[in-house]
Amino acid sequence: MSRLTARLEALLRLYAVADDRIDDARLAEQFRKDLALLVAEYGPKTVDAALDGMPDEAWPSVSLH
């Protein structure tokens, strides 16, 4: 697993299990900012390729709702 893939997975896990008390709009804005930092560091094509390379199935510790 590349460093970028690990960082993307960590970012997605963090926001997937975010506390329900947090405002959804604020949470979405923070996610966009965090993702934009990765895009600025690695470039959009690299981030897109890393996202495409991630498995499509849900992680065991994350429940999708």
PDB file of N, CA and C in Angstrom:
ATOM      1  N   MET A   1       0.854  -1.171   0.000  1.00  0.00           N
ATOM      2  CA  MET A   1       0.000   0.000   0.000  1.00  0.00           C
ATOM      3  C   MET A   1       0.903   1.239   0.000  1.00  0.00           C
ATOM      4  N   SER A   2       0.603   2.157  -0.876  1.00  0.00           N
ATOM      5  CA  SER A   2       1.394   3.379  -0.946  1.00  0.00           C
ATOM      6  C   SER A   2       1.028   4.317   0.196  1.00  0.00           C
ATOM      7  N   ARG A   3       1.895   5.267   0.440  1.00  0.00           N
ATOM      8  CA  ARG A   3       1.628   6.265   1.491  1.00  0.00           C
ATOM      9  C   ARG A   3       0.349   7.048   1.177  1.00  0.00           C
ATOM     10  N   LEU A   4       0.164   7.405  -0.086  1.00  0.00           N
ATOM     11  CA  LEU A   4      -1.042   8.140  -0.474  1.00  0.00           C
ATOM     12  C   LEU A   4      -2.290   7.296  -0.227  1.00  0.00           C
ATOM     13  N   THR A   5      -2.271   6.046  -0.620  1.00  0.00           N
ATOM     14  CA  THR A   5      -3.423   5.176  -0.411  1.00  0.00           C
ATOM     15  C   THR A   5      -3.735   5.043   1.076  1.00  0.00           C
ATOM     16  N   ALA A   6      -2.712   4.899   1.880  1.00  0.00           N
ATOM     17  CA  ALA A   6      -2.906   4.797   3.329  1.00  0.00           C
ATOM     18  C   ALA A   6      -3.527   6.080   3.882  1.00  0.00           C
ATOM     19  N   ARG A   7      -3.059   7.223   3.399  1.00  0.00           N
ATOM     20  CA  ARG A   7      -3.606   8.497   3.863  1.00  0.00           C
ATOM     21  C   ARG A   7      -5.049   8.672   3.417  1.00  0.00           C
ATOM     22  N   LEU A   8      -5.373   8.258   2.195  1.00  0.00           N
ATOM     23  CA  LEU A   8      -6.753   8.337   1.711  1.00  0.00           C
ATOM     24  C   LEU A   8      -7.663   7.427   2.529  1.00  0.00           C
ATOM     25  N   GLU A   9      -7.215   6.208   2.795  1.00  0.00           N
ATOM     26  CA  GLU A   9      -8.018   5.291   3.596  1.00  0.00           C
ATOM     27  C   GLU A   9      -8.246   5.849   4.997  1.00  0.00           C
ATOM     28  N   ALA A  10      -7.213   6.417   5.586  1.00  0.00           N
ATOM     29  CA  ALA A  10      -7.355   6.999   6.923  1.00  0.00           C
ATOM     30  C   ALA A  10      -8.347   8.164   6.899  1.00  0.00           C
ATOM     31  N   LEU A  11      -8.256   8.988   5.872  1.00  0.00           N
ATOM     32  CA  LEU A  11      -9.171  10.121   5.737  1.00  0.00           C
ATOM     33  C   LEU A  11     -10.611   9.638   5.580  1.00  0.00           C
ATOM     34  N   LEU A  12     -10.822   8.660   4.727  1.00  0.00           N
ATOM     35  CA  LEU A  12     -12.169   8.135   4.515  1.00  0.00           C
ATOM     36  C   LEU A  12     -12.717   7.468   5.771  1.00  0.00           C
ATOM     37  N   ARG A  13     -11.891   6.731   6.480  1.00  0.00           N
ATOM     38  CA  ARG A  13     -12.323   6.088   7.726  1.00  0.00           C
ATOM     39  C   ARG A  13     -12.703   7.151   8.772  1.00  0.00           C
ATOM     40  N   LEU A  14     -11.883   8.175   8.880  1.00  0.00           N
ATOM     41  CA  LEU A  14     -12.139   9.230   9.854  1.00  0.00           C
ATOM     42  C   LEU A  14     -13.513   9.851   9.646  1.00  0.00           C
ATOM     43  N   TYR A  15     -13.821  10.183   8.411  1.00  0.00           N
ATOM     44  CA  TYR A  15     -15.100  10.835   8.141  1.00  0.00           C
ATOM     45  C   TYR A  15     -16.262   9.850   8.113  1.00  0.00           C
ATOM     46  N   ALA A  16     -16.003   8.585   7.836  1.00  0.00           N
ATOM     47  CA  ALA A  16     -17.073   7.590   7.838  1.00  0.00           C
ATOM     48  C   ALA A  16     -17.592   7.327   9.244  1.00  0.00           C
ATOM     49  N   VAL A  17     -16.729   7.479  10.228  1.00  0.00           N
ATOM     50  CA  VAL A  17     -17.132   7.202  11.612  1.00  0.00           C
ATOM     51  C   VAL A  17     -17.290   8.485  12.420  1.00  0.00           C
ATOM     52  N   ALA A  18     -17.421   9.602  11.740  1.00  0.00           N
ATOM     53  CA  ALA A  18     -17.543  10.894  12.430  1.00  0.00           C
ATOM     54  C   ALA A  18     -18.762  10.905  13.339  1.00  0.00           C
ATOM     55  N   ASP A  19     -18.633  11.631  14.396  1.00  0.00           N
ATOM     56  CA  ASP A  19     -19.686  11.758  15.405  1.00  0.00           C
ATOM     57  C   ASP A  19     -20.944  12.376  14.792  1.00  0.00           C
ATOM     58  N   ASP A  20     -22.086  11.804  15.091  1.00  0.00           N
ATOM     59  CA  ASP A  20     -23.360  12.307  14.560  1.00  0.00           C
ATOM     60  C   ASP A  20     -23.698  13.711  15.054  1.00  0.00           C
ATOM     61  N   ARG A  21     -23.044  14.161  16.107  1.00  0.00           N
ATOM     62  CA  ARG A  21     -23.323  15.493  16.643  1.00  0.00           C
ATOM     63  C   ARG A  21     -22.672  16.590  15.814  1.00  0.00           C
ATOM     64  N   ILE A  22     -21.777  16.219  14.917  1.00  0.00           N
ATOM     65  CA  ILE A  22     -21.092  17.200  14.084  1.00  0.00           C
ATOM     66  C   ILE A  22     -21.993  17.567  12.904  1.00  0.00           C
ATOM     67  N   ASP A  23     -22.093  18.843  12.626  1.00  0.00           N
ATOM     68  CA  ASP A  23     -22.902  19.348  11.519  1.00  0.00           C
ATOM     69  C   ASP A  23     -22.398  18.759  10.200  1.00  0.00           C
ATOM     70  N   ASP A  24     -23.302  18.177   9.418  1.00  0.00           N
ATOM     71  CA  ASP A  24     -22.931  17.537   8.161  1.00  0.00           C
ATOM     72  C   ASP A  24     -22.260  18.505   7.190  1.00  0.00           C
ATOM     73  N   ALA A  25     -22.739  19.724   7.121  1.00  0.00           N
ATOM     74  CA  ALA A  25     -22.160  20.709   6.205  1.00  0.00           C
ATOM     75  C   ALA A  25     -20.724  21.031   6.601  1.00  0.00           C
ATOM     76  N   ARG A  26     -20.484  21.196   7.900  1.00  0.00           N
ATOM     77  CA  ARG A  26     -19.123  21.469   8.384  1.00  0.00           C
ATOM     78  C   ARG A  26     -18.211  20.279   8.135  1.00  0.00           C
ATOM     79  N   LEU A  27     -18.737  19.092   8.354  1.00  0.00           N
ATOM     80  CA  LEU A  27     -17.974  17.873   8.141  1.00  0.00           C
ATOM     81  C   LEU A  27     -17.591  17.723   6.668  1.00  0.00           C
ATOM     82  N   ALA A  28     -18.538  17.984   5.777  1.00  0.00           N
ATOM     83  CA  ALA A  28     -18.275  17.894   4.341  1.00  0.00           C
ATOM     84  C   ALA A  28     -17.237  18.925   3.919  1.00  0.00           C
ATOM     85  N   GLU A  29     -17.328  20.133   4.454  1.00  0.00           N
ATOM     86  CA  GLU A  29     -16.360  21.180   4.123  1.00  0.00           C
ATOM     87  C   GLU A  29     -14.955  20.788   4.593  1.00  0.00           C
ATOM     88  N   GLN A  30     -14.845  20.234   5.790  1.00  0.00           N
ATOM     89  CA  GLN A  30     -13.543  19.818   6.296  1.00  0.00           C
ATOM     90  C   GLN A  30     -12.983  18.671   5.465  1.00  0.00           C
ATOM     91  N   PHE A  31     -13.839  17.746   5.048  1.00  0.00           N
ATOM     92  CA  PHE A  31     -13.394  16.641   4.193  1.00  0.00           C
ATOM     93  C   PHE A  31     -12.831  17.184   2.879  1.00  0.00           C
ATOM     94  N   ARG A  32     -13.550  18.136   2.277  1.00  0.00           N
ATOM     95  CA  ARG A  32     -13.074  18.732   1.021  1.00  0.00           C
ATOM     96  C   ARG A  32     -11.722  19.410   1.205  1.00  0.00           C
ATOM     97  N   LYS A  33     -11.537  20.092   2.329  1.00  0.00           N
ATOM     98  CA  LYS A  33     -10.259  20.755   2.597  1.00  0.00           C
ATOM     99  C   LYS A  33      -9.142  19.732   2.751  1.00  0.00           C
ATOM    100  N   ASP A  34      -9.408  18.662   3.504  1.00  0.00           N
ATOM    101  CA  ASP A  34      -8.397  17.630   3.709  1.00  0.00           C
ATOM    102  C   ASP A  34      -8.043  16.925   2.405  1.00  0.00           C
ATOM    103  N   LEU A  35      -9.054  16.655   1.587  1.00  0.00           N
ATOM    104  CA  LEU A  35      -8.803  16.031   0.295  1.00  0.00           C
ATOM    105  C   LEU A  35      -8.048  16.982  -0.633  1.00  0.00           C
ATOM    106  N   ALA A  36      -8.383  18.263  -0.590  1.00  0.00           N
ATOM    107  CA  ALA A  36      -7.687  19.254  -1.414  1.00  0.00           C
ATOM    108  C   ALA A  36      -6.204  19.330  -1.055  1.00  0.00           C
ATOM    109  N   LEU A  37      -5.876  19.146   0.225  1.00  0.00           N
ATOM    110  CA  LEU A  37      -4.465  19.136   0.631  1.00  0.00           C
ATOM    111  C   LEU A  37      -3.720  17.963   0.000  1.00  0.00           C
ATOM    112  N   LEU A  38      -4.371  16.810  -0.054  1.00  0.00           N
ATOM    113  CA  LEU A  38      -3.742  15.655  -0.699  1.00  0.00           C
ATOM    114  C   LEU A  38      -3.591  15.894  -2.195  1.00  0.00           C
ATOM    115  N   VAL A  39      -4.593  16.496  -2.811  1.00  0.00           N
ATOM    116  CA  VAL A  39      -4.512  16.803  -4.244  1.00  0.00           C
ATOM    117  C   VAL A  39      -3.387  17.799  -4.511  1.00  0.00           C
ATOM    118  N   ALA A  40      -3.243  18.789  -3.639  1.00  0.00           N
ATOM    119  CA  ALA A  40      -2.170  19.781  -3.813  1.00  0.00           C
ATOM    120  C   ALA A  40      -0.795  19.126  -3.657  1.00  0.00           C
ATOM    121  N   GLU A  41      -0.701  18.161  -2.757  1.00  0.00           N
ATOM    122  CA  GLU A  41       0.586  17.506  -2.505  1.00  0.00           C
ATOM    123  C   GLU A  41       0.950  16.491  -3.592  1.00  0.00           C
ATOM    124  N   TYR A  42      -0.031  15.705  -4.041  1.00  0.00           N
ATOM    125  CA  TYR A  42       0.254  14.603  -4.966  1.00  0.00           C
ATOM    126  C   TYR A  42      -0.181  14.859  -6.401  1.00  0.00           C
ATOM    127  N   GLY A  43      -1.103  15.806  -6.600  1.00  0.00           N
ATOM    128  CA  GLY A  43      -1.639  16.066  -7.924  1.00  0.00           C
ATOM    129  C   GLY A  43      -2.939  15.317  -8.144  1.00  0.00           C
ATOM    130  N   PRO A  44      -3.838  15.901  -8.932  1.00  0.00           N
ATOM    131  CA  PRO A  44      -5.161  15.300  -9.111  1.00  0.00           C
ATOM    132  C   PRO A  44      -5.129  13.926  -9.789  1.00  0.00           C
ATOM    133  N   LYS A  45      -4.267  13.738 -10.765  1.00  0.00           N
ATOM    134  CA  LYS A  45      -4.219  12.446 -11.462  1.00  0.00           C
ATOM    135  C   LYS A  45      -3.743  11.335 -10.545  1.00  0.00           C
ATOM    136  N   THR A  46      -2.777  11.633  -9.684  1.00  0.00           N
ATOM    137  CA  THR A  46      -2.260  10.627  -8.760  1.00  0.00           C
ATOM    138  C   THR A  46      -3.303  10.264  -7.710  1.00  0.00           C
ATOM    139  N   VAL A  47      -3.995  11.258  -7.175  1.00  0.00           N
ATOM    140  CA  VAL A  47      -5.043  10.991  -6.186  1.00  0.00           C
ATOM    141  C   VAL A  47      -6.173  10.201  -6.835  1.00  0.00           C
ATOM    142  N   ASP A  48      -6.558  10.573  -8.039  1.00  0.00           N
ATOM    143  CA  ASP A  48      -7.613   9.858  -8.752  1.00  0.00           C
ATOM    144  C   ASP A  48      -7.209   8.399  -8.984  1.00  0.00           C
ATOM    145  N   ALA A  49      -5.979   8.178  -9.393  1.00  0.00           N
ATOM    146  CA  ALA A  49      -5.503   6.812  -9.623  1.00  0.00           C
ATOM    147  C   ALA A  49      -5.485   6.014  -8.323  1.00  0.00           C
ATOM    148  N   ALA A  50      -5.092   6.641  -7.223  1.00  0.00           N
ATOM    149  CA  ALA A  50      -5.073   5.960  -5.925  1.00  0.00           C
ATOM    150  C   ALA A  50      -6.489   5.599  -5.488  1.00  0.00           C
ATOM    151  N   LEU A  51      -7.432   6.503  -5.699  1.00  0.00           N
ATOM    152  CA  LEU A  51      -8.827   6.206  -5.360  1.00  0.00           C
ATOM    153  C   LEU A  51      -9.371   5.077  -6.226  1.00  0.00           C
ATOM    154  N   ASP A  52      -9.032   5.085  -7.513  1.00  0.00           N
ATOM    155  CA  ASP A  52      -9.471   4.015  -8.410  1.00  0.00           C
ATOM    156  C   ASP A  52      -8.881   2.668  -7.995  1.00  0.00           C
ATOM    157  N   GLY A  53      -7.691   2.684  -7.416  1.00  0.00           N
ATOM    158  CA  GLY A  53      -7.026   1.457  -7.021  1.00  0.00           C
ATOM    159  C   GLY A  53      -7.487   0.895  -5.696  1.00  0.00           C
ATOM    160  N   MET A  54      -8.289   1.648  -4.969  1.00  0.00           N
ATOM    161  CA  MET A  54      -8.779   1.172  -3.671  1.00  0.00           C
ATOM    162  C   MET A  54      -9.904   0.169  -3.890  1.00  0.00           C
ATOM    163  N   PRO A  55     -10.018  -0.815  -2.999  1.00  0.00           N
ATOM    164  CA  PRO A  55     -11.091  -1.802  -3.150  1.00  0.00           C
ATOM    165  C   PRO A  55     -12.470  -1.161  -3.010  1.00  0.00           C
ATOM    166  N   ASP A  56     -13.434  -1.709  -3.705  1.00  0.00           N
ATOM    167  CA  ASP A  56     -14.794  -1.171  -3.678  1.00  0.00           C
ATOM    168  C   ASP A  56     -15.614  -1.652  -2.494  1.00  0.00           C
ATOM    169  N   GLU A  57     -15.205  -2.759  -1.875  1.00  0.00           N
ATOM    170  CA  GLU A  57     -16.008  -3.281  -0.767  1.00  0.00           C
ATOM    171  C   GLU A  57     -15.817  -2.428   0.478  1.00  0.00           C
ATOM    172  N   ALA A  58     -16.805  -2.490   1.358  1.00  0.00           N
ATOM    173  CA  ALA A  58     -16.760  -1.732   2.616  1.00  0.00           C
ATOM    174  C   ALA A  58     -15.723  -2.348   3.541  1.00  0.00           C
ATOM    175  N   TRP A  59     -15.098  -1.490   4.333  1.00  0.00           N
ATOM    176  CA  TRP A  59     -14.133  -1.971   5.313  1.00  0.00           C
ATOM    177  C   TRP A  59     -14.881  -2.616   6.468  1.00  0.00           C
ATOM    178  N   PRO A  60     -14.296  -3.631   7.075  1.00  0.00           N
ATOM    179  CA  PRO A  60     -14.993  -4.316   8.168  1.00  0.00           C
ATOM    180  C   PRO A  60     -15.366  -3.414   9.340  1.00  0.00           C
ATOM    181  N   SER A  61     -14.551  -2.411   9.632  1.00  0.00           N
ATOM    182  CA  SER A  61     -14.818  -1.575  10.791  1.00  0.00           C
ATOM    183  C   SER A  61     -15.733  -0.386  10.479  1.00  0.00           C
ATOM    184  N   VAL A  62     -16.193  -0.276   9.258  1.00  0.00           N
ATOM    185  CA  VAL A  62     -17.029   0.856   8.855  1.00  0.00           C
ATOM    186  C   VAL A  62     -18.395   0.344   8.427  1.00  0.00           C
ATOM    187  N   SER A  63     -19.426   0.876   9.041  1.00  0.00           N
ATOM    188  CA  SER A  63     -20.762   0.503   8.587  1.00  0.00           C
ATOM    189  C   SER A  63     -21.306   1.635   7.732  1.00  0.00           C
ATOM    190  N   LEU A  64     -21.746   1.298   6.567  1.00  0.00           N
ATOM    191  CA  LEU A  64     -22.295   2.302   5.665  1.00  0.00           C
ATOM    192  C   LEU A  64     -23.788   2.420   5.919  1.00  0.00           C
ATOM    193  N   HIS A  65     -24.271   3.659   5.946  1.00  0.00           N
ATOM    194  CA  HIS A  65     -25.700   3.871   6.177  1.00  0.00           C
ATOM    195  C   HIS A  65     -26.224   4.955   5.317  1.00  0.00           C
TER     196      HIS A  65
END
